[in-house]
Structures are given as C-alpha cells and as structure tokens.
PDB file of all heavy atoms in Angstrom:
ATOM      1  N   ASN A   1       7.113  -8.334   1.219  1.00  0.00           N
ATOM      2  CA  ASN A   1       7.831  -9.364   1.915  1.00  0.00           C
ATOM      3  C   ASN A   1       7.881 -10.661   1.178  1.00  0.00           C
ATOM      4  O   ASN A   1       7.578 -10.623  -0.090  1.00  0.00           O
ATOM      5  CB  ASN A   1       7.009  -9.704   3.293  1.00  0.00           C
ATOM      6  CG  ASN A   1       5.640 -10.347   2.983  1.00  0.00           C
ATOM      7  OD1 ASN A   1       5.277 -10.748   2.110  1.00  0.00           O
ATOM      8  ND2 ASN A   1       4.904 -10.336   4.252  1.00  0.00           N
ATOM      9  N   ASP A   2       8.418 -11.746   1.715  1.00  0.00           N
ATOM     10  CA  ASP A   2       8.692 -12.874   0.837  1.00  0.00           C
ATOM     11  C   ASP A   2       7.361 -13.600   0.492  1.00  0.00           C
ATOM     12  O   ASP A   2       7.393 -14.495  -0.413  1.00  0.00           O
ATOM     13  CB  ASP A   2       9.526 -13.920   1.714  1.00  0.00           C
ATOM     14  CG  ASP A   2      10.886 -13.336   2.125  1.00  0.00           C
ATOM     15  OD1 ASP A   2      11.406 -12.470   1.281  1.00  0.00           O
ATOM     16  OD2 ASP A   2      11.499 -13.866   3.032  1.00  0.00           O
ATOM     17  N   ASN A   3       6.255 -13.236   1.055  1.00  0.00           N
ATOM     18  CA  ASN A   3       4.947 -13.773   0.601  1.00  0.00           C
ATOM     19  C   ASN A   3       4.306 -12.922  -0.349  1.00  0.00           C
ATOM     20  O   ASN A   3       3.104 -13.138  -0.718  1.00  0.00           O
ATOM     21  CB  ASN A   3       4.130 -14.040   1.706  1.00  0.00           C
ATOM     22  CG  ASN A   3       4.597 -15.100   2.841  1.00  0.00           C
ATOM     23  OD1 ASN A   3       5.189 -16.114   2.412  1.00  0.00           O
ATOM     24  ND2 ASN A   3       4.439 -14.839   4.112  1.00  0.00           N
ATOM     25  N   ALA A   4       5.065 -11.883  -1.020  1.00  0.00           N
ATOM     26  CA  ALA A   4       4.434 -10.941  -1.841  1.00  0.00           C
ATOM     27  C   ALA A   4       3.276 -10.205  -1.412  1.00  0.00           C
ATOM     28  O   ALA A   4       2.428  -9.784  -2.141  1.00  0.00           O
ATOM     29  CB  ALA A   4       3.957 -11.732  -3.190  1.00  0.00           C
ATOM     30  N   GLU A   5       3.433  -9.981  -0.150  1.00  0.00           N
ATOM     31  CA  GLU A   5       2.403  -9.135   0.713  1.00  0.00           C
ATOM     32  C   GLU A   5       3.016  -7.727   0.747  1.00  0.00           C
ATOM     33  O   GLU A   5       4.194  -7.639   1.063  1.00  0.00           O
ATOM     34  CB  GLU A   5       2.055  -9.674   2.015  1.00  0.00           C
ATOM     35  CG  GLU A   5       1.355 -10.978   2.031  1.00  0.00           C
ATOM     36  CD  GLU A   5       1.172 -11.735   3.287  1.00  0.00           C
ATOM     37  OE1 GLU A   5       1.794 -11.156   4.327  1.00  0.00           O
ATOM     38  OE2 GLU A   5       0.563 -12.674   3.381  1.00  0.00           O
ATOM     39  N   ILE A   6       2.261  -6.632   0.788  1.00  0.00           N
ATOM     40  CA  ILE A   6       2.651  -5.334   0.839  1.00  0.00           C
ATOM     41  C   ILE A   6       2.860  -4.977   2.420  1.00  0.00           C
ATOM     42  O   ILE A   6       1.868  -5.203   3.169  1.00  0.00           O
ATOM     43  CB  ILE A   6       1.648  -4.300   0.339  1.00  0.00           C
ATOM     44  CG1 ILE A   6       1.519  -4.505  -1.287  1.00  0.00           C
ATOM     45  CG2 ILE A   6       2.172  -2.800   0.517  1.00  0.00           C
ATOM     46  CD1 ILE A   6       0.407  -3.730  -1.821  1.00  0.00           C
ATOM     47  N   VAL A   7       4.029  -4.579   2.694  1.00  0.00           N
ATOM     48  CA  VAL A   7       4.170  -4.379   4.192  1.00  0.00           C
ATOM     49  C   VAL A   7       4.564  -2.894   4.600  1.00  0.00           C
ATOM     50  O   VAL A   7       4.591  -2.444   5.705  1.00  0.00           O
ATOM     51  CB  VAL A   7       5.411  -5.310   4.710  1.00  0.00           C
ATOM     52  CG1 VAL A   7       4.932  -6.805   4.774  1.00  0.00           C
ATOM     53  CG2 VAL A   7       6.682  -5.054   3.978  1.00  0.00           C
ATOM     54  N   GLU A   8       4.750  -2.118   3.465  1.00  0.00           N
ATOM     55  CA  GLU A   8       5.093  -0.799   3.585  1.00  0.00           C
ATOM     56  C   GLU A   8       4.897   0.038   2.347  1.00  0.00           C
ATOM     57  O   GLU A   8       5.023  -0.563   1.227  1.00  0.00           O
ATOM     58  CB  GLU A   8       6.534  -0.601   4.053  1.00  0.00           C
ATOM     59  CG  GLU A   8       6.818   0.839   4.497  1.00  0.00           C
ATOM     60  CD  GLU A   8       8.395   0.899   5.020  1.00  0.00           C
ATOM     61  OE1 GLU A   8       9.130  -0.180   5.132  1.00  0.00           O
ATOM     62  OE2 GLU A   8       8.946   2.002   5.233  1.00  0.00           O
ATOM     63  N   LEU A   9       4.393   1.331   2.505  1.00  0.00           N
ATOM     64  CA  LEU A   9       4.292   2.276   1.372  1.00  0.00           C
ATOM     65  C   LEU A   9       5.366   3.239   1.582  1.00  0.00           C
ATOM     66  O   LEU A   9       5.554   3.853   2.715  1.00  0.00           O
ATOM     67  CB  LEU A   9       2.988   3.002   1.403  1.00  0.00           C
ATOM     68  CG  LEU A   9       1.804   2.113   1.332  1.00  0.00           C
ATOM     69  CD1 LEU A   9       0.466   2.928   1.498  1.00  0.00           C
ATOM     70  CD2 LEU A   9       1.729   1.399   0.017  1.00  0.00           C
ATOM     71  N   VAL A  10       6.158   3.444   0.515  1.00  0.00           N
ATOM     72  CA  VAL A  10       7.377   4.316   0.535  1.00  0.00           C
ATOM     73  C   VAL A  10       7.315   5.401  -0.539  1.00  0.00           C
ATOM     74  O   VAL A  10       7.089   5.059  -1.702  1.00  0.00           O
ATOM     75  CB  VAL A  10       8.762   3.583   0.479  1.00  0.00           C
ATOM     76  CG1 VAL A  10       9.907   4.559   0.659  1.00  0.00           C
ATOM     77  CG2 VAL A  10       8.827   2.438   1.475  1.00  0.00           C
ATOM     78  N   GLU A  11       7.301   6.601  -0.134  1.00  0.00           N
ATOM     79  CA  GLU A  11       7.144   7.747  -1.012  1.00  0.00           C
ATOM     80  C   GLU A  11       8.503   8.186  -1.616  1.00  0.00           C
ATOM     81  O   GLU A  11       9.537   8.612  -0.848  1.00  0.00           O
ATOM     82  CB  GLU A  11       6.415   8.877  -0.457  1.00  0.00           C
ATOM     83  CG  GLU A  11       6.096  10.106  -1.306  1.00  0.00           C
ATOM     84  CD  GLU A  11       5.067   9.699  -2.330  1.00  0.00           C
ATOM     85  OE1 GLU A  11       4.374   8.887  -2.076  1.00  0.00           O
ATOM     86  OE2 GLU A  11       5.104  10.378  -3.353  1.00  0.00           O
ATOM     87  N   LYS A  12       8.733   8.125  -2.851  1.00  0.00           N
ATOM     88  CA  LYS A  12       9.968   8.504  -3.626  1.00  0.00           C
ATOM     89  C   LYS A  12      11.265   7.978  -2.858  1.00  0.00           C
ATOM     90  O   LYS A  12      12.008   8.908  -2.369  1.00  0.00           O
ATOM     91  CB  LYS A  12       9.941   9.973  -3.707  1.00  0.00           C
ATOM     92  CG  LYS A  12       8.713  10.493  -4.635  1.00  0.00           C
ATOM     93  CD  LYS A  12       8.896  12.033  -4.856  1.00  0.00           C
ATOM     94  CE  LYS A  12       7.679  12.518  -5.729  1.00  0.00           C
ATOM     95  NZ  LYS A  12       7.651  13.934  -5.948  1.00  0.00           N
ATOM     96  N   PRO A  13      11.435   6.727  -2.880  1.00  0.00           N
ATOM     97  CA  PRO A  13      12.535   6.135  -1.993  1.00  0.00           C
ATOM     98  C   PRO A  13      13.944   6.627  -2.639  1.00  0.00           C
ATOM     99  O   PRO A  13      14.071   6.499  -3.905  1.00  0.00           O
ATOM    100  CB  PRO A  13      12.442   4.666  -2.226  1.00  0.00           C
ATOM    101  CG  PRO A  13      11.565   4.482  -3.338  1.00  0.00           C
ATOM    102  CD  PRO A  13      10.706   5.697  -3.601  1.00  0.00           C
ATOM    103  N   GLU A  14      14.844   7.052  -1.807  1.00  0.00           N
ATOM    104  CA  GLU A  14      16.232   7.336  -2.314  1.00  0.00           C
ATOM    105  C   GLU A  14      17.040   6.157  -2.609  1.00  0.00           C
ATOM    106  O   GLU A  14      17.975   6.175  -3.446  1.00  0.00           O
ATOM    107  CB  GLU A  14      16.854   8.335  -1.263  1.00  0.00           C
ATOM    108  CG  GLU A  14      16.152   9.691  -1.027  1.00  0.00           C
ATOM    109  CD  GLU A  14      16.899  10.439  -0.039  1.00  0.00           C
ATOM    110  OE1 GLU A  14      17.971  10.112   0.455  1.00  0.00           O
ATOM    111  OE2 GLU A  14      16.355  11.658   0.313  1.00  0.00           O
ATOM    112  N   THR A  15      16.767   5.025  -1.877  1.00  0.00           N
ATOM    113  CA  THR A  15      17.346   3.778  -2.201  1.00  0.00           C
ATOM    114  C   THR A  15      16.264   2.831  -2.650  1.00  0.00           C
ATOM    115  O   THR A  15      15.140   3.016  -2.270  1.00  0.00           O
ATOM    116  CB  THR A  15      18.195   3.257  -0.941  1.00  0.00           C
ATOM    117  OG1 THR A  15      17.163   3.027   0.064  1.00  0.00           O
ATOM    118  CG2 THR A  15      19.318   4.221  -0.479  1.00  0.00           C
ATOM    119  N   PHE A  16      16.732   1.786  -3.424  1.00  0.00           N
ATOM    120  CA  PHE A  16      15.743   0.960  -4.019  1.00  0.00           C
ATOM    121  C   PHE A  16      14.923   0.088  -3.066  1.00  0.00           C
ATOM    122  O   PHE A  16      15.513  -0.459  -2.008  1.00  0.00           O
ATOM    123  CB  PHE A  16      16.497  -0.105  -4.958  1.00  0.00           C
ATOM    124  CG  PHE A  16      15.525  -0.935  -5.683  1.00  0.00           C
ATOM    125  CD1 PHE A  16      14.858  -0.592  -6.931  1.00  0.00           C
ATOM    126  CD2 PHE A  16      15.176  -2.232  -5.273  1.00  0.00           C
ATOM    127  CE1 PHE A  16      13.914  -1.396  -7.639  1.00  0.00           C
ATOM    128  CE2 PHE A  16      14.263  -3.005  -5.861  1.00  0.00           C
ATOM    129  CZ  PHE A  16      13.682  -2.618  -7.086  1.00  0.00           C
ATOM    130  N   VAL A  17      13.703   0.236  -3.170  1.00  0.00           N
ATOM    131  CA  VAL A  17      12.761  -0.518  -2.330  1.00  0.00           C
ATOM    132  C   VAL A  17      12.035  -1.595  -3.200  1.00  0.00           C
ATOM    133  O   VAL A  17      11.976  -2.738  -2.853  1.00  0.00           O
ATOM    134  CB  VAL A  17      11.713   0.382  -1.657  1.00  0.00           C
ATOM    135  CG1 VAL A  17      10.644  -0.509  -0.906  1.00  0.00           C
ATOM    136  CG2 VAL A  17      12.448   1.322  -0.641  1.00  0.00           C
ATOM    137  N   SER A  18      11.318  -1.090  -4.285  1.00  0.00           N
ATOM    138  CA  SER A  18      10.619  -1.934  -5.282  1.00  0.00           C
ATOM    139  C   SER A  18      10.580  -1.182  -6.507  1.00  0.00           C
ATOM    140  O   SER A  18      10.584  -0.058  -6.479  1.00  0.00           O
ATOM    141  CB  SER A  18       9.528  -2.620  -4.886  1.00  0.00           C
ATOM    142  OG  SER A  18       8.374  -1.704  -4.996  1.00  0.00           O
ATOM    143  N   ASP A  19      10.156  -1.833  -7.590  1.00  0.00           N
ATOM    144  CA  ASP A  19       9.894  -1.006  -8.823  1.00  0.00           C
ATOM    145  C   ASP A  19       8.407  -1.091  -9.087  1.00  0.00           C
ATOM    146  O   ASP A  19       7.950  -0.859 -10.166  1.00  0.00           O
ATOM    147  CB  ASP A  19      10.616  -1.622  -9.922  1.00  0.00           C
ATOM    148  CG  ASP A  19      10.372  -3.051 -10.319  1.00  0.00           C
ATOM    149  OD1 ASP A  19       9.524  -3.628  -9.565  1.00  0.00           O
ATOM    150  OD2 ASP A  19      10.969  -3.627 -11.246  1.00  0.00           O
ATOM    151  N   GLN A  20       7.610  -1.326  -8.058  1.00  0.00           N
ATOM    152  CA  GLN A  20       6.126  -1.219  -8.200  1.00  0.00           C
ATOM    153  C   GLN A  20       5.515  -0.047  -7.706  1.00  0.00           C
ATOM    154  O   GLN A  20       5.432   0.230  -6.535  1.00  0.00           O
ATOM    155  CB  GLN A  20       5.472  -2.503  -7.549  1.00  0.00           C
ATOM    156  CG  GLN A  20       5.914  -3.792  -8.069  1.00  0.00           C
ATOM    157  CD  GLN A  20       5.457  -4.134  -9.456  1.00  0.00           C
ATOM    158  OE1 GLN A  20       4.228  -3.739  -9.819  1.00  0.00           O
ATOM    159  NE2 GLN A  20       6.191  -4.633 -10.302  1.00  0.00           N
ATOM    160  N   ALA A  21       5.124   0.922  -8.640  1.00  0.00           N
ATOM    161  CA  ALA A  21       4.603   2.154  -8.304  1.00  0.00           C
ATOM    162  C   ALA A  21       3.165   2.143  -8.052  1.00  0.00           C
ATOM    163  O   ALA A  21       2.345   1.525  -8.734  1.00  0.00           O
ATOM    164  CB  ALA A  21       4.928   3.194  -9.359  1.00  0.00           C
ATOM    165  N   VAL A  22       2.764   2.853  -7.040  1.00  0.00           N
ATOM    166  CA  VAL A  22       1.183   2.943  -6.646  1.00  0.00           C
ATOM    167  C   VAL A  22       0.578   3.854  -7.669  1.00  0.00           C
ATOM    168  O   VAL A  22       1.104   4.967  -7.819  1.00  0.00           O
ATOM    169  CB  VAL A  22       0.976   3.413  -5.239  1.00  0.00           C
ATOM    170  CG1 VAL A  22      -0.457   3.688  -4.955  1.00  0.00           C
ATOM    171  CG2 VAL A  22       1.764   2.473  -4.204  1.00  0.00           C
ATOM    172  N   ILE A  23      -0.471   3.412  -8.328  1.00  0.00           N
ATOM    173  CA  ILE A  23      -1.193   4.356  -9.414  1.00  0.00           C
ATOM    174  C   ILE A  23      -2.404   5.051  -8.893  1.00  0.00           C
ATOM    175  O   ILE A  23      -2.968   5.632  -9.615  1.00  0.00           O
ATOM    176  CB  ILE A  23      -1.465   3.414 -10.636  1.00  0.00           C
ATOM    177  CG1 ILE A  23      -2.634   2.481 -10.262  1.00  0.00           C
ATOM    178  CG2 ILE A  23      -0.181   2.697 -11.010  1.00  0.00           C
ATOM    179  CD1 ILE A  23      -3.068   1.743 -11.592  1.00  0.00           C
ATOM    180  N   GLY A  24      -2.852   4.839  -7.716  1.00  0.00           N
ATOM    181  CA  GLY A  24      -4.002   5.501  -7.103  1.00  0.00           C
ATOM    182  C   GLY A  24      -5.194   4.861  -7.170  1.00  0.00           C
ATOM    183  O   GLY A  24      -6.352   5.383  -7.403  1.00  0.00           O
ATOM    184  N   ILE A  25      -5.189   3.465  -7.392  1.00  0.00           N
ATOM    185  CA  ILE A  25      -6.439   2.602  -7.435  1.00  0.00           C
ATOM    186  C   ILE A  25      -6.317   1.472  -6.383  1.00  0.00           C
ATOM    187  O   ILE A  25      -5.304   0.852  -6.417  1.00  0.00           O
ATOM    188  CB  ILE A  25      -6.729   1.963  -8.794  1.00  0.00           C
ATOM    189  CG1 ILE A  25      -6.631   3.078  -9.835  1.00  0.00           C
ATOM    190  CG2 ILE A  25      -8.038   1.281  -8.831  1.00  0.00           C
ATOM    191  CD1 ILE A  25      -6.848   2.517 -11.337  1.00  0.00           C
ATOM    192  N   TYR A  26      -7.370   1.408  -5.512  1.00  0.00           N
ATOM    193  CA  TYR A  26      -7.298   0.441  -4.337  1.00  0.00           C
ATOM    194  C   TYR A  26      -8.592  -0.394  -4.357  1.00  0.00           C
ATOM    195  O   TYR A  26      -9.640   0.122  -4.492  1.00  0.00           O
ATOM    196  CB  TYR A  26      -7.158   1.256  -3.052  1.00  0.00           C
ATOM    197  CG  TYR A  26      -6.036   2.267  -2.992  1.00  0.00           C
ATOM    198  CD1 TYR A  26      -6.352   3.596  -3.710  1.00  0.00           C
ATOM    199  CD2 TYR A  26      -4.872   2.130  -2.508  1.00  0.00           C
ATOM    200  CE1 TYR A  26      -5.422   4.641  -3.677  1.00  0.00           C
ATOM    201  CE2 TYR A  26      -3.910   3.093  -2.549  1.00  0.00           C
ATOM    202  CZ  TYR A  26      -4.113   4.273  -3.105  1.00  0.00           C
ATOM    203  OH  TYR A  26      -3.104   5.387  -3.052  1.00  0.00           O
ATOM    204  N   TYR A  27      -8.397  -1.672  -3.869  1.00  0.00           N
ATOM    205  CA  TYR A  27      -9.577  -2.488  -3.594  1.00  0.00           C
ATOM    206  C   TYR A  27      -9.608  -2.801  -2.095  1.00  0.00           C
ATOM    207  O   TYR A  27      -8.433  -3.025  -1.560  1.00  0.00           O
ATOM    208  CB  TYR A  27      -9.538  -3.874  -4.422  1.00  0.00           C
ATOM    209  CG  TYR A  27     -10.474  -4.918  -3.912  1.00  0.00           C
ATOM    210  CD1 TYR A  27     -11.830  -4.828  -4.104  1.00  0.00           C
ATOM    211  CD2 TYR A  27      -9.851  -5.909  -3.133  1.00  0.00           C
ATOM    212  CE1 TYR A  27     -12.580  -5.818  -3.624  1.00  0.00           C
ATOM    213  CE2 TYR A  27     -10.753  -6.792  -2.633  1.00  0.00           C
ATOM    214  CZ  TYR A  27     -12.023  -6.859  -2.826  1.00  0.00           C
ATOM    215  OH  TYR A  27     -12.912  -7.783  -2.312  1.00  0.00           O
ATOM    216  N   PHE A  28     -10.702  -2.729  -1.460  1.00  0.00           N
ATOM    217  CA  PHE A  28     -10.865  -3.188  -0.087  1.00  0.00           C
ATOM    218  C   PHE A  28     -12.068  -4.195   0.096  1.00  0.00           C
ATOM    219  O   PHE A  28     -13.131  -3.917  -0.476  1.00  0.00           O
ATOM    220  CB  PHE A  28     -11.157  -2.012   0.793  1.00  0.00           C
ATOM    221  CG  PHE A  28     -10.114  -0.883   0.812  1.00  0.00           C
ATOM    222  CD1 PHE A  28     -10.107   0.126  -0.145  1.00  0.00           C
ATOM    223  CD2 PHE A  28      -8.956  -1.130   1.713  1.00  0.00           C
ATOM    224  CE1 PHE A  28      -8.930   1.005  -0.161  1.00  0.00           C
ATOM    225  CE2 PHE A  28      -7.965  -0.062   1.706  1.00  0.00           C
ATOM    226  CZ  PHE A  28      -7.965   0.818   0.774  1.00  0.00           C
ATOM    227  N   LYS A  29     -11.666  -5.408   0.550  1.00  0.00           N
ATOM    228  CA  LYS A  29     -12.657  -6.304   0.780  1.00  0.00           C
ATOM    229  C   LYS A  29     -13.780  -5.780   1.582  1.00  0.00           C
ATOM    230  O   LYS A  29     -15.001  -6.091   1.404  1.00  0.00           O
ATOM    231  CB  LYS A  29     -12.033  -7.527   1.599  1.00  0.00           C
ATOM    232  CG  LYS A  29     -12.965  -8.749   1.497  1.00  0.00           C
ATOM    233  CD  LYS A  29     -12.403  -9.997   2.331  1.00  0.00           C
ATOM    234  CE  LYS A  29     -11.248 -10.560   1.571  1.00  0.00           C
ATOM    235  NZ  LYS A  29     -10.692 -11.712   2.219  1.00  0.00           N
ATOM    236  N   ASP A  30     -13.560  -5.055   2.706  1.00  0.00           N
ATOM    237  CA  ASP A  30     -14.619  -4.248   3.339  1.00  0.00           C
ATOM    238  C   ASP A  30     -14.133  -2.854   3.621  1.00  0.00           C
ATOM    239  O   ASP A  30     -13.227  -2.581   4.426  1.00  0.00           O
ATOM    240  CB  ASP A  30     -14.974  -4.885   4.771  1.00  0.00           C
ATOM    241  CG  ASP A  30     -16.031  -4.200   5.471  1.00  0.00           C
ATOM    242  OD1 ASP A  30     -16.561  -3.223   4.884  1.00  0.00           O
ATOM    243  OD2 ASP A  30     -16.336  -4.570   6.541  1.00  0.00           O
ATOM    244  N   VAL A  31     -14.603  -1.878   2.781  1.00  0.00           N
ATOM    245  CA  VAL A  31     -14.006  -0.460   2.872  1.00  0.00           C
ATOM    246  C   VAL A  31     -14.500   0.192   4.143  1.00  0.00           C
ATOM    247  O   VAL A  31     -13.741   1.095   4.491  1.00  0.00           O
ATOM    248  CB  VAL A  31     -14.514   0.228   1.613  1.00  0.00           C
ATOM    249  CG1 VAL A  31     -16.014   0.583   1.875  1.00  0.00           C
ATOM    250  CG2 VAL A  31     -13.630   1.440   1.269  1.00  0.00           C
ATOM    251  N   ALA A  32     -15.310  -0.420   4.952  1.00  0.00           N
ATOM    252  CA  ALA A  32     -15.646   0.095   6.125  1.00  0.00           C
ATOM    253  C   ALA A  32     -14.406   0.108   7.226  1.00  0.00           C
ATOM    254  O   ALA A  32     -14.283   0.974   8.128  1.00  0.00           O
ATOM    255  CB  ALA A  32     -16.800  -0.631   6.900  1.00  0.00           C
ATOM    256  N   VAL A  33     -13.537  -0.880   6.978  1.00  0.00           N
ATOM    257  CA  VAL A  33     -12.361  -0.872   7.780  1.00  0.00           C
ATOM    258  C   VAL A  33     -11.480   0.387   7.503  1.00  0.00           C
ATOM    259  O   VAL A  33     -11.000   0.932   8.455  1.00  0.00           O
ATOM    260  CB  VAL A  33     -11.517  -2.245   7.653  1.00  0.00           C
ATOM    261  CG1 VAL A  33     -10.212  -2.206   8.348  1.00  0.00           C
ATOM    262  CG2 VAL A  33     -12.428  -3.460   7.858  1.00  0.00           C
ATOM    263  N   LEU A  34     -11.246   0.686   6.253  1.00  0.00           N
ATOM    264  CA  LEU A  34     -10.514   1.966   5.995  1.00  0.00           C
ATOM    265  C   LEU A  34     -11.323   3.121   6.534  1.00  0.00           C
ATOM    266  O   LEU A  34     -10.646   3.993   7.058  1.00  0.00           O
ATOM    267  CB  LEU A  34     -10.406   1.967   4.496  1.00  0.00           C
ATOM    268  CG  LEU A  34      -9.747   3.336   3.976  1.00  0.00           C
ATOM    269  CD1 LEU A  34      -8.234   3.325   4.397  1.00  0.00           C
ATOM    270  CD2 LEU A  34      -9.904   3.528   2.437  1.00  0.00           C
ATOM    271  N   LYS A  35     -12.592   3.089   6.429  1.00  0.00           N
ATOM    272  CA  LYS A  35     -13.371   4.261   6.989  1.00  0.00           C
ATOM    273  C   LYS A  35     -13.225   4.466   8.367  1.00  0.00           C
ATOM    274  O   LYS A  35     -12.862   5.561   8.903  1.00  0.00           O
ATOM    275  CB  LYS A  35     -14.809   4.022   6.699  1.00  0.00           C
ATOM    276  CG  LYS A  35     -15.729   5.140   7.360  1.00  0.00           C
ATOM    277  CD  LYS A  35     -17.259   4.959   6.994  1.00  0.00           C
ATOM    278  CE  LYS A  35     -17.786   3.670   7.419  1.00  0.00           C
ATOM    279  NZ  LYS A  35     -19.421   3.549   7.216  1.00  0.00           N
ATOM    280  N   GLY A  36     -13.025   3.328   9.153  1.00  0.00           N
ATOM    281  CA  GLY A  36     -12.719   3.446  10.520  1.00  0.00           C
ATOM    282  C   GLY A  36     -11.386   4.105  10.857  1.00  0.00           C
ATOM    283  O   GLY A  36     -11.234   4.856  11.798  1.00  0.00           O
ATOM    284  N   LYS A  37     -10.390   3.534  10.141  1.00  0.00           N
ATOM    285  CA  LYS A  37      -9.152   4.089  10.285  1.00  0.00           C
ATOM    286  C   LYS A  37      -8.981   5.487   9.840  1.00  0.00           C
ATOM    287  O   LYS A  37      -8.245   6.371  10.531  1.00  0.00           O
ATOM    288  CB  LYS A  37      -8.059   3.299   9.538  1.00  0.00           C
ATOM    289  CG  LYS A  37      -7.914   1.794   9.944  1.00  0.00           C
ATOM    290  CD  LYS A  37      -7.749   1.709  11.464  1.00  0.00           C
ATOM    291  CE  LYS A  37      -7.601   0.305  11.911  1.00  0.00           C
ATOM    292  NZ  LYS A  37      -7.466   0.144  13.375  1.00  0.00           N
ATOM    293  N   LEU A  38      -9.579   6.007   8.814  1.00  0.00           N
ATOM    294  CA  LEU A  38      -9.569   7.404   8.264  1.00  0.00           C
ATOM    295  C   LEU A  38     -10.358   8.318   9.380  1.00  0.00           C
ATOM    296  O   LEU A  38      -9.935   9.442   9.540  1.00  0.00           O
ATOM    297  CB  LEU A  38     -10.166   7.505   6.953  1.00  0.00           C
ATOM    298  CG  LEU A  38      -9.373   6.950   5.850  1.00  0.00           C
ATOM    299  CD1 LEU A  38     -10.021   7.162   4.532  1.00  0.00           C
ATOM    300  CD2 LEU A  38      -8.004   7.634   5.772  1.00  0.00           C
ATOM    301  N   GLN A  39     -11.351   7.768   9.833  1.00  0.00           N
ATOM    302  CA  GLN A  39     -12.057   8.523  11.022  1.00  0.00           C
ATOM    303  C   GLN A  39     -11.188   8.760  12.175  1.00  0.00           C
ATOM    304  O   GLN A  39     -11.068   9.900  12.696  1.00  0.00           O
ATOM    305  CB  GLN A  39     -13.304   7.704  11.496  1.00  0.00           C
ATOM    306  CG  GLN A  39     -14.141   8.696  12.369  1.00  0.00           C
ATOM    307  CD  GLN A  39     -14.713   9.901  11.794  1.00  0.00           C
ATOM    308  OE1 GLN A  39     -15.327   9.779  10.697  1.00  0.00           O
ATOM    309  NE2 GLN A  39     -14.372  11.033  12.243  1.00  0.00           N
TER     310      GLN A  39
END
C-alpha cells in the first residue's frame, strides 16, 4: 500500500502487482500469532 506495508500475497501474477518476489524467509515479532492461525 502507500505506507509500504504488505497487504496481499499474489502468486505468479498475470498483470503487474509488484516486482518484489517472496524468497521464503519470514520474521515474526511473535511467531505464536502465526502458530495460532496455522492451527
């Protein structure tokens, strides 16, 4: 978005979304939040 925050993940976009590719490394301030969502 305009604040340089990620608002969506798009897999192999047919029209231009951005040129920033996800490389498979993530940081979580509290990974327990992700754990809850994955559960």
